[in-house]
């Protein structure tokens, strides 16, 4: 499965590892929610249900992703 979905209250975070280039901007913006795989450097969703207090950080991660691999709904 290339996409991972998690719910954060009313927020749904989707990460597409197939389009991820491993830039790490998501980790810089929201390190409690995202990390990078040691094997391939691609995004890994750490917290499948991040608290509402991290919603702005998750949105920042989405906007900084150069490949638009993070979707927040």
N, C-alpha and C. Protein backbone atom coordinates (compact mmCIF):
# COMPACT_ATOMS: atom_id res chain seq x y z
N UNK A 1 0.85 -1.18 0.00
CA UNK A 1 0.00 0.00 0.00
C UNK A 1 0.89 1.23 0.00
N UNK A 2 0.66 2.16 -0.89
CA UNK A 2 1.52 3.32 -1.03
C UNK A 2 1.03 4.52 -0.23
N UNK A 3 -0.20 4.53 0.18
CA UNK A 3 -0.74 5.66 0.92
C UNK A 3 -1.18 5.20 2.30
N UNK A 4 -0.99 6.08 3.26
CA UNK A 4 -1.39 5.80 4.63
C UNK A 4 -2.36 6.89 5.04
N UNK A 5 -3.49 6.49 5.61
CA UNK A 5 -4.46 7.47 6.07
C UNK A 5 -4.59 7.37 7.58
N UNK A 6 -4.75 8.51 8.21
CA UNK A 6 -4.97 8.56 9.65
C UNK A 6 -5.94 9.69 9.94
N UNK A 7 -6.72 9.52 10.99
CA UNK A 7 -7.65 10.57 11.35
C UNK A 7 -7.11 11.36 12.53
N UNK A 8 -7.26 12.66 12.47
CA UNK A 8 -6.86 13.55 13.56
C UNK A 8 -8.06 14.42 13.87
N UNK A 9 -8.97 13.89 14.67
CA UNK A 9 -10.22 14.59 14.89
C UNK A 9 -11.00 14.58 13.60
N UNK A 10 -11.19 15.74 13.02
CA UNK A 10 -11.89 15.81 11.73
C UNK A 10 -10.90 15.87 10.57
N UNK A 11 -9.60 15.84 10.88
CA UNK A 11 -8.57 15.92 9.86
C UNK A 11 -8.14 14.52 9.43
N UNK A 12 -8.01 14.32 8.12
CA UNK A 12 -7.49 13.07 7.59
C UNK A 12 -6.16 13.39 6.90
N UNK A 13 -5.10 12.72 7.34
CA UNK A 13 -3.77 12.92 6.77
C UNK A 13 -3.46 11.73 5.87
N UNK A 14 -3.12 12.01 4.61
CA UNK A 14 -2.75 10.96 3.67
C UNK A 14 -1.33 11.22 3.19
N UNK A 15 -0.49 10.19 3.26
CA UNK A 15 0.91 10.30 2.84
C UNK A 15 1.12 9.33 1.68
N UNK A 16 1.63 9.84 0.57
CA UNK A 16 1.91 9.01 -0.59
C UNK A 16 3.42 8.80 -0.71
N UNK A 17 3.89 7.62 -0.30
CA UNK A 17 5.32 7.31 -0.34
C UNK A 17 5.83 7.15 -1.77
N UNK A 18 4.97 6.83 -2.71
CA UNK A 18 5.42 6.66 -4.10
C UNK A 18 5.86 7.98 -4.72
N UNK A 19 5.23 9.08 -4.34
CA UNK A 19 5.62 10.37 -4.90
C UNK A 19 6.62 11.12 -4.03
N UNK A 20 6.84 10.66 -2.81
CA UNK A 20 7.77 11.32 -1.88
C UNK A 20 9.20 11.27 -2.44
N UNK A 21 9.92 12.40 -2.32
CA UNK A 21 11.31 12.45 -2.79
C UNK A 21 12.30 12.45 -1.62
N UNK A 22 11.79 12.44 -0.38
CA UNK A 22 12.67 12.38 0.78
C UNK A 22 13.31 13.70 1.16
N UNK A 23 12.69 14.82 0.81
CA UNK A 23 13.26 16.14 1.11
C UNK A 23 13.29 16.43 2.62
N UNK A 24 12.37 15.83 3.37
CA UNK A 24 12.37 15.97 4.82
C UNK A 24 11.71 17.23 5.35
N UNK A 25 11.06 18.01 4.50
CA UNK A 25 10.40 19.23 4.96
C UNK A 25 9.27 18.94 5.94
N UNK A 26 8.60 17.81 5.76
CA UNK A 26 7.52 17.42 6.67
C UNK A 26 8.06 17.16 8.07
N UNK A 27 9.23 16.55 8.15
CA UNK A 27 9.85 16.25 9.44
C UNK A 27 10.23 17.54 10.15
N UNK A 28 10.75 18.50 9.40
CA UNK A 28 11.10 19.79 9.99
C UNK A 28 9.87 20.53 10.50
N UNK A 29 8.76 20.44 9.77
CA UNK A 29 7.54 21.15 10.14
C UNK A 29 6.77 20.47 11.26
N UNK A 30 6.75 19.14 11.27
CA UNK A 30 5.94 18.41 12.25
C UNK A 30 6.65 17.11 12.66
N UNK A 31 7.73 17.21 13.43
CA UNK A 31 8.51 16.02 13.79
C UNK A 31 7.76 15.02 14.68
N UNK A 32 6.69 15.46 15.33
CA UNK A 32 5.90 14.54 16.14
C UNK A 32 4.98 13.68 15.28
N UNK A 33 4.80 14.08 14.03
CA UNK A 33 3.86 13.39 13.14
C UNK A 33 4.56 12.62 12.03
N UNK A 34 5.67 13.18 11.52
CA UNK A 34 6.38 12.58 10.39
C UNK A 34 7.83 12.29 10.73
N UNK A 35 8.37 11.24 10.13
CA UNK A 35 9.80 10.98 10.16
C UNK A 35 10.18 10.44 8.78
N UNK A 36 11.46 10.13 8.63
CA UNK A 36 11.92 9.55 7.37
C UNK A 36 12.46 8.16 7.64
N UNK A 37 12.18 7.25 6.74
CA UNK A 37 12.66 5.88 6.84
C UNK A 37 14.18 5.85 6.77
N UNK A 38 14.80 5.08 7.65
CA UNK A 38 16.25 4.91 7.60
C UNK A 38 16.67 4.12 6.36
N UNK A 39 15.77 3.30 5.84
CA UNK A 39 16.08 2.47 4.68
C UNK A 39 16.10 3.25 3.37
N UNK A 40 15.04 4.04 3.12
CA UNK A 40 14.94 4.72 1.83
C UNK A 40 14.79 6.24 1.93
N UNK A 41 14.72 6.78 3.14
CA UNK A 41 14.62 8.22 3.32
C UNK A 41 13.26 8.82 3.05
N UNK A 42 12.28 7.97 2.75
CA UNK A 42 10.95 8.46 2.43
C UNK A 42 10.12 8.69 3.70
N UNK A 43 9.07 9.46 3.56
CA UNK A 43 8.22 9.84 4.68
C UNK A 43 7.59 8.61 5.35
N UNK A 44 7.49 8.70 6.68
CA UNK A 44 6.80 7.70 7.49
C UNK A 44 5.87 8.48 8.43
N UNK A 45 4.62 8.09 8.48
CA UNK A 45 3.66 8.72 9.38
C UNK A 45 3.85 8.13 10.77
N UNK A 46 4.31 8.95 11.72
CA UNK A 46 4.58 8.48 13.08
C UNK A 46 3.33 8.36 13.94
N UNK A 47 2.50 9.36 13.86
CA UNK A 47 1.34 9.42 14.74
C UNK A 47 0.08 9.28 13.90
N UNK A 48 -0.57 8.14 13.96
CA UNK A 48 -1.75 7.92 13.13
C UNK A 48 -2.96 8.76 13.56
N UNK A 49 -2.87 9.38 14.74
CA UNK A 49 -3.98 10.22 15.23
C UNK A 49 -3.41 11.43 15.96
N UNK A 50 -2.76 12.35 15.23
CA UNK A 50 -2.14 13.49 15.90
C UNK A 50 -3.18 14.38 16.58
N UNK A 51 -2.84 14.94 17.72
CA UNK A 51 -3.79 15.79 18.43
C UNK A 51 -4.10 17.06 17.65
N UNK A 52 -5.22 17.66 17.97
CA UNK A 52 -5.66 18.87 17.27
C UNK A 52 -4.63 19.98 17.38
N UNK A 53 -3.85 19.99 18.43
CA UNK A 53 -2.82 21.01 18.61
C UNK A 53 -1.72 20.95 17.56
N UNK A 54 -1.62 19.85 16.84
CA UNK A 54 -0.61 19.70 15.79
C UNK A 54 -1.17 19.98 14.40
N UNK A 55 -2.43 20.33 14.33
CA UNK A 55 -3.08 20.54 13.03
C UNK A 55 -2.35 21.58 12.19
N UNK A 56 -1.94 22.70 12.79
CA UNK A 56 -1.23 23.74 12.04
C UNK A 56 0.11 23.23 11.53
N UNK A 57 0.81 22.46 12.36
CA UNK A 57 2.11 21.90 11.94
C UNK A 57 1.93 20.93 10.78
N UNK A 58 0.87 20.13 10.83
CA UNK A 58 0.60 19.18 9.74
C UNK A 58 0.28 19.95 8.45
N UNK A 59 -0.49 21.00 8.55
CA UNK A 59 -0.80 21.82 7.38
C UNK A 59 0.47 22.49 6.83
N UNK A 60 1.36 22.91 7.73
CA UNK A 60 2.63 23.49 7.30
C UNK A 60 3.47 22.44 6.57
N UNK A 61 3.49 21.23 7.10
CA UNK A 61 4.22 20.14 6.44
C UNK A 61 3.66 19.90 5.04
N UNK A 62 2.35 19.92 4.93
CA UNK A 62 1.71 19.74 3.62
C UNK A 62 2.13 20.83 2.65
N UNK A 63 2.13 22.07 3.10
CA UNK A 63 2.45 23.17 2.19
C UNK A 63 3.93 23.21 1.81
N UNK A 64 4.80 22.66 2.65
CA UNK A 64 6.23 22.66 2.37
C UNK A 64 6.70 21.44 1.57
N UNK A 65 5.83 20.47 1.38
CA UNK A 65 6.22 19.25 0.66
C UNK A 65 6.42 19.57 -0.82
N UNK A 66 7.65 19.39 -1.34
CA UNK A 66 7.92 19.75 -2.74
C UNK A 66 7.22 18.86 -3.76
N UNK A 67 6.83 17.65 -3.36
CA UNK A 67 6.16 16.75 -4.30
C UNK A 67 4.67 16.60 -4.02
N UNK A 68 4.17 17.39 -3.06
CA UNK A 68 2.74 17.34 -2.70
C UNK A 68 2.31 15.92 -2.33
N UNK A 69 3.14 15.25 -1.56
CA UNK A 69 2.87 13.87 -1.16
C UNK A 69 2.01 13.77 0.10
N UNK A 70 1.69 14.90 0.70
CA UNK A 70 0.86 14.93 1.90
C UNK A 70 -0.45 15.62 1.56
N UNK A 71 -1.55 14.95 1.87
CA UNK A 71 -2.87 15.52 1.68
C UNK A 71 -3.54 15.61 3.04
N UNK A 72 -4.12 16.76 3.34
CA UNK A 72 -4.84 16.96 4.60
C UNK A 72 -6.25 17.38 4.25
N UNK A 73 -7.22 16.61 4.77
CA UNK A 73 -8.64 16.93 4.54
C UNK A 73 -9.33 17.05 5.86
